Amino acid sequence: MIDPHAHHILFKKGLGQKQKELVAEGQEILKRYGIESIIGEENLLVWAPNRIAGQHGIDRLQHIVDKLKEVDSFGGTREKMVDMLKLLGEEAASMK
């Protein structure tokens, strides 16, 4: 992997108002499942390439939040939420 970085699956802050709103929404979901979004290993369990187009963009963030909401809306458990974070982490790690 070229230029790897410890990657937050759900972004830490977001750039611009829309990203910040999405990050806050995602953080609230994770909090309900006892997952700390900044330092929790569940959200920071992947190495991903840095400086990849779309890796930190609004479309990627929307996809992440949509997937978290999907787990939540189907009566997800903490284990299911962690599984989704792992899947999203694998997606991020494989971006080129």
Protein backbone atom coordinates (compact mmCIF):
# COMPACT_ATOMS: atom_id res chain seq x y z
CA MET A 1 0.00 0.00 0.00
CA ILE A 2 1.38 3.38 -0.97
CA ASP A 3 1.29 6.14 1.67
CA PRO A 4 -0.80 4.29 4.30
CA HIS A 5 -2.38 6.08 7.24
CA ALA A 6 -4.39 5.00 10.27
CA HIS A 7 -7.83 5.71 8.86
CA HIS A 8 -10.95 6.76 10.76
CA ILE A 9 -13.77 4.91 9.04
CA LEU A 10 -16.27 7.56 10.12
CA PHE A 11 -14.38 10.82 9.68
CA LYS A 12 -13.21 12.73 12.75
CA LYS A 13 -14.59 16.16 11.82
CA GLY A 14 -15.46 16.67 8.20
CA LEU A 15 -14.68 19.61 5.98
CA GLY A 16 -17.48 22.05 5.31
CA GLN A 17 -20.93 22.24 6.83
CA LYS A 18 -22.46 19.22 5.07
CA GLN A 19 -19.61 16.91 6.05
CA LYS A 20 -19.70 18.19 9.64
CA GLU A 21 -23.43 17.45 9.82
CA LEU A 22 -22.91 13.93 8.44
CA VAL A 23 -20.05 13.26 10.86
CA ALA A 24 -22.20 14.41 13.80
CA GLU A 25 -25.04 12.14 12.65
CA GLY A 26 -22.68 9.18 12.34
CA GLN A 27 -21.09 9.90 15.72
CA GLU A 28 -24.51 9.88 17.39
CA ILE A 29 -25.27 6.49 15.88
CA LEU A 30 -21.95 5.02 17.01
CA LYS A 31 -22.42 6.49 20.50
CA ARG A 32 -25.71 4.57 20.85
CA TYR A 33 -23.72 1.37 20.34
CA GLY A 34 -20.99 2.29 22.81
CA ILE A 35 -18.45 3.02 20.09
CA GLU A 36 -16.15 6.02 20.59
CA SER A 37 -15.74 7.59 17.16
CA ILE A 38 -12.37 9.33 17.62
CA ILE A 39 -10.19 6.98 19.66
CA GLY A 40 -12.27 3.80 19.64
CA GLU A 41 -10.47 0.98 17.88
CA GLU A 42 -13.72 -0.08 16.23
CA ASN A 43 -13.65 3.11 14.12
CA LEU A 44 -9.86 3.22 13.76
CA LEU A 45 -9.06 -0.38 12.94
CA VAL A 46 -7.74 -0.05 9.42
CA TRP A 47 -4.80 1.22 7.44
CA ALA A 48 -5.85 2.87 4.20
CA PRO A 49 -4.05 4.68 1.41
CA ASN A 50 -3.86 8.44 1.82
CA ARG A 51 -4.41 10.99 -0.95
CA ILE A 52 -6.77 8.73 -2.89
CA ALA A 53 -9.50 10.54 -4.81
CA GLY A 54 -12.78 10.15 -2.97
CA GLN A 55 -11.34 8.60 0.20
CA HIS A 56 -12.29 11.64 2.28
CA GLY A 57 -15.01 13.13 0.07
CA ILE A 58 -18.66 13.85 0.70
CA ASP A 59 -19.86 10.88 -1.36
CA ARG A 60 -17.75 8.46 0.67
CA LEU A 61 -18.92 10.00 3.93
CA GLN A 62 -22.56 9.81 2.84
CA HIS A 63 -22.06 6.12 1.99
CA ILE A 64 -20.59 5.46 5.45
CA VAL A 65 -23.39 7.23 7.30
CA ASP A 66 -26.02 5.51 5.14
CA LYS A 67 -24.54 2.11 6.04
CA LEU A 68 -24.48 2.96 9.76
CA LYS A 69 -28.11 4.10 9.54
CA GLU A 70 -28.98 0.88 7.72
CA VAL A 71 -27.62 -1.26 10.56
CA ASP A 72 -29.36 0.95 13.12
CA SER A 73 -32.73 0.90 11.34
CA PHE A 74 -32.76 -2.88 11.15
CA GLY A 75 -32.44 -3.20 14.92
CA GLY A 76 -28.69 -3.69 14.82
CA THR A 77 -26.57 -4.83 17.70
CA ARG A 78 -23.16 -3.55 18.74
CA GLU A 79 -21.65 -6.61 17.05
CA LYS A 80 -23.47 -5.85 13.78
CA MET A 81 -22.31 -2.22 13.93
CA VAL A 82 -18.70 -3.31 14.46
CA ASP A 83 -19.06 -5.75 11.55
CA MET A 84 -20.27 -2.91 9.34
CA LEU A 85 -17.34 -0.74 10.41
CA LYS A 86 -14.98 -3.59 9.49
CA LEU A 87 -16.60 -3.89 6.06
CA LEU A 88 -16.37 -0.13 5.51
CA GLY A 89 -12.74 -0.24 6.64
CA GLU A 90 -11.99 -2.97 4.11
CA GLU A 91 -13.57 -0.81 1.40
CA ALA A 92 -11.36 2.13 2.40
CA ALA A 93 -8.22 -0.02 2.49
CA SER A 94 -8.88 -1.30 -1.02
CA MET A 95 -9.43 2.12 -2.65
CA LYS A 96 -6.99 3.02 -5.40
